[in-house]
Amino acid sequence: KALDESVKSLDATVQIHLHTPKASKLPFATKNIDVLTGEFAGNPKNMDFISKKELDAHDKFIRAGITRTDIDHIFAAHLVGGVTPKDVDLVDSVDSIKKIYSQAKERFGDRMTFAGPDCGVGAWPSQEVASLLLKRTVEAVR
């Protein structure tokens, strides 16, 4: 009820960002939240927690996170491998982003109305590398 009350006066498409789609039951029960956003690039198994059937039944849509933004984990994976990554190596490849996009589109169909990065890019090492992430995301969905 609190979620509905907090957004009921907004004249906009209302989205709620779920760091774990296991929490999707709560926004499914609301009438004023239109779109659930999920982080699918960092953990593609997150797609298993939301079905198109549920989206249809509750008249909800999905914004698919298709580009990884968990910069600490990305950076650590390179370091564990003994490599100090260049900024360009921190961003998912266009092909990798396309793959997640295609998986999400296949799973959610017309209920997937938005796609973008998993989460924010404020913690990224520079605006240039964050911009590269956004550019590759756009290129992947075109």
Protein backbone atom coordinates (compact mmCIF):
# COMPACT_ATOMS: atom_id res chain seq x y z
CA LYS A 1 0.00 0.00 0.00
CA ALA A 2 2.85 2.40 0.79
CA LEU A 3 4.32 1.94 -2.69
CA ASP A 4 1.00 2.78 -4.31
CA GLU A 5 0.49 5.84 -2.11
CA SER A 6 3.98 7.17 -2.76
CA VAL A 7 3.50 7.27 -6.54
CA LYS A 8 -0.26 7.65 -7.08
CA SER A 9 -0.12 11.36 -7.96
CA LEU A 10 2.63 10.98 -10.56
CA ASP A 11 1.53 11.49 -14.13
CA ALA A 12 4.26 9.30 -15.60
CA THR A 13 5.27 5.74 -16.29
CA VAL A 14 6.47 4.61 -12.87
CA GLN A 15 9.37 2.19 -12.63
CA ILE A 16 10.81 0.43 -9.61
CA HIS A 17 14.37 -0.87 -9.66
CA LEU A 18 14.80 -4.29 -8.10
CA HIS A 19 18.32 -5.26 -7.13
CA THR A 20 16.91 -8.75 -6.75
CA PRO A 21 13.88 -9.82 -8.76
CA LYS A 22 13.05 -12.18 -5.91
CA ALA A 23 11.33 -9.07 -4.54
CA SER A 24 9.01 -8.77 -7.55
CA LYS A 25 5.93 -9.99 -5.68
CA LEU A 26 5.57 -6.65 -3.89
CA PRO A 27 5.41 -4.40 -6.99
CA PHE A 28 3.24 -6.99 -8.74
CA ALA A 29 0.66 -6.34 -6.02
CA THR A 30 0.57 -2.58 -6.71
CA LYS A 31 -1.62 -0.75 -9.18
CA ASN A 32 0.51 2.39 -9.61
CA ILE A 33 3.85 0.84 -10.55
CA ASP A 34 4.02 0.15 -14.26
CA VAL A 35 7.53 -1.20 -14.87
CA LEU A 36 9.85 -3.49 -12.93
CA THR A 37 13.55 -3.12 -13.68
CA GLY A 38 15.89 -6.07 -13.35
CA GLU A 39 19.65 -6.55 -13.39
CA PHE A 40 20.08 -9.30 -15.96
CA ALA A 41 23.56 -8.66 -17.38
CA GLY A 42 25.37 -9.14 -14.07
CA ASN A 43 23.25 -12.19 -13.28
CA PRO A 44 21.23 -13.60 -16.20
CA LYS A 45 19.58 -16.11 -13.83
CA ASN A 46 17.64 -13.15 -12.44
CA MET A 47 15.38 -13.53 -15.49
CA ASP A 48 14.13 -16.78 -13.98
CA PHE A 49 12.39 -14.92 -11.14
CA ILE A 50 9.97 -12.99 -13.38
CA SER A 51 7.84 -14.54 -16.10
CA LYS A 52 5.98 -13.01 -19.02
CA LYS A 53 2.88 -14.75 -17.69
CA GLU A 54 3.19 -12.83 -14.39
CA LEU A 55 3.80 -9.57 -16.23
CA ASP A 56 0.71 -10.19 -18.36
CA ALA A 57 -1.43 -11.17 -15.37
CA HIS A 58 -0.52 -8.01 -13.45
CA ASP A 59 -0.36 -5.72 -16.51
CA LYS A 60 3.27 -4.83 -15.76
CA PHE A 61 6.24 -4.29 -18.03
CA ILE A 62 9.96 -4.92 -17.68
CA ARG A 63 13.03 -2.76 -18.13
CA ALA A 64 15.86 -5.20 -18.77
CA GLY A 65 19.34 -4.46 -17.47
CA ILE A 66 21.48 -5.68 -20.35
CA THR A 67 24.91 -4.16 -19.58
CA ARG A 68 26.89 -4.92 -16.44
CA THR A 69 27.48 -2.02 -14.06
CA ASP A 70 28.92 -3.86 -11.04
CA ILE A 71 32.27 -2.15 -11.54
CA ASP A 72 33.91 -3.50 -8.38
CA HIS A 73 33.25 -7.10 -9.45
CA ILE A 74 34.31 -6.42 -13.03
CA PHE A 75 37.56 -4.81 -11.89
CA ALA A 76 38.25 -7.57 -9.35
CA ALA A 77 37.78 -10.30 -11.98
CA HIS A 78 40.50 -8.71 -14.09
CA LEU A 79 42.85 -8.32 -11.13
CA VAL A 80 42.34 -11.93 -10.02
CA GLY A 81 43.37 -12.92 -13.53
CA GLY A 82 46.57 -10.91 -13.09
CA VAL A 83 45.54 -8.13 -15.45
CA THR A 84 45.22 -4.44 -14.74
CA PRO A 85 42.38 -3.60 -17.13
CA LYS A 86 42.25 -0.67 -19.47
CA ASP A 87 39.06 1.35 -19.18
CA VAL A 88 37.77 -0.04 -22.48
CA ASP A 89 38.11 -3.59 -21.07
CA LEU A 90 35.75 -2.79 -18.19
CA VAL A 91 32.72 -2.37 -20.46
CA ASP A 92 30.80 -5.34 -21.86
CA SER A 93 31.31 -5.92 -25.57
CA VAL A 94 28.49 -5.04 -27.95
CA ASP A 95 28.10 -8.76 -28.74
CA SER A 96 27.77 -9.62 -25.04
CA ILE A 97 25.15 -6.91 -24.57
CA LYS A 98 23.25 -8.09 -27.67
CA LYS A 99 23.18 -11.61 -26.26
CA ILE A 100 21.56 -10.53 -22.97
CA TYR A 101 19.17 -8.23 -24.85
CA SER A 102 18.08 -11.10 -27.10
CA GLN A 103 17.58 -13.45 -24.15
CA ALA A 104 15.45 -10.88 -22.34
CA LYS A 105 13.43 -10.03 -25.47
CA GLU A 106 12.79 -13.73 -26.09
CA ARG A 107 11.69 -14.29 -22.50
CA PHE A 108 9.54 -11.18 -21.99
CA GLY A 109 8.43 -10.35 -25.55
CA ASP A 110 6.19 -7.31 -25.82
CA ARG A 111 6.33 -6.87 -22.03
CA MET A 112 9.94 -5.67 -22.35
CA THR A 113 9.48 -2.00 -23.14
CA PHE A 114 12.81 -0.64 -21.90
CA ALA A 115 16.43 -1.79 -21.84
CA GLY A 116 19.61 -0.24 -20.49
CA PRO A 117 22.43 -0.73 -18.01
CA ASP A 118 21.85 -2.94 -14.98
CA CYS A 119 22.14 -0.04 -12.55
CA GLY A 120 23.85 3.34 -12.23
CA VAL A 121 27.29 4.30 -13.49
CA GLY A 122 28.19 6.89 -10.86
CA ALA A 123 30.93 4.71 -9.36
CA TRP A 124 32.66 4.12 -12.69
CA PRO A 125 36.26 5.36 -12.99
CA SER A 126 35.47 8.23 -15.37
CA GLN A 127 32.69 9.85 -17.34
CA GLU A 128 34.40 8.67 -20.51
CA VAL A 129 34.19 4.98 -19.61
CA ALA A 130 30.61 5.42 -18.36
CA SER A 131 29.80 7.10 -21.68
CA LEU A 132 31.36 4.15 -23.53
CA LEU A 133 29.08 1.81 -21.56
CA LEU A 134 26.03 3.81 -22.64
CA LYS A 135 27.20 4.01 -26.27
CA ARG A 136 27.74 0.25 -26.47
CA THR A 137 24.34 -0.37 -24.91
CA VAL A 138 22.65 1.81 -27.52
CA GLU A 139 24.62 0.17 -30.33
CA ALA A 140 23.59 -3.29 -29.11
CA VAL A 141 19.84 -2.59 -29.21
CA ARG A 142 19.74 -0.76 -32.54
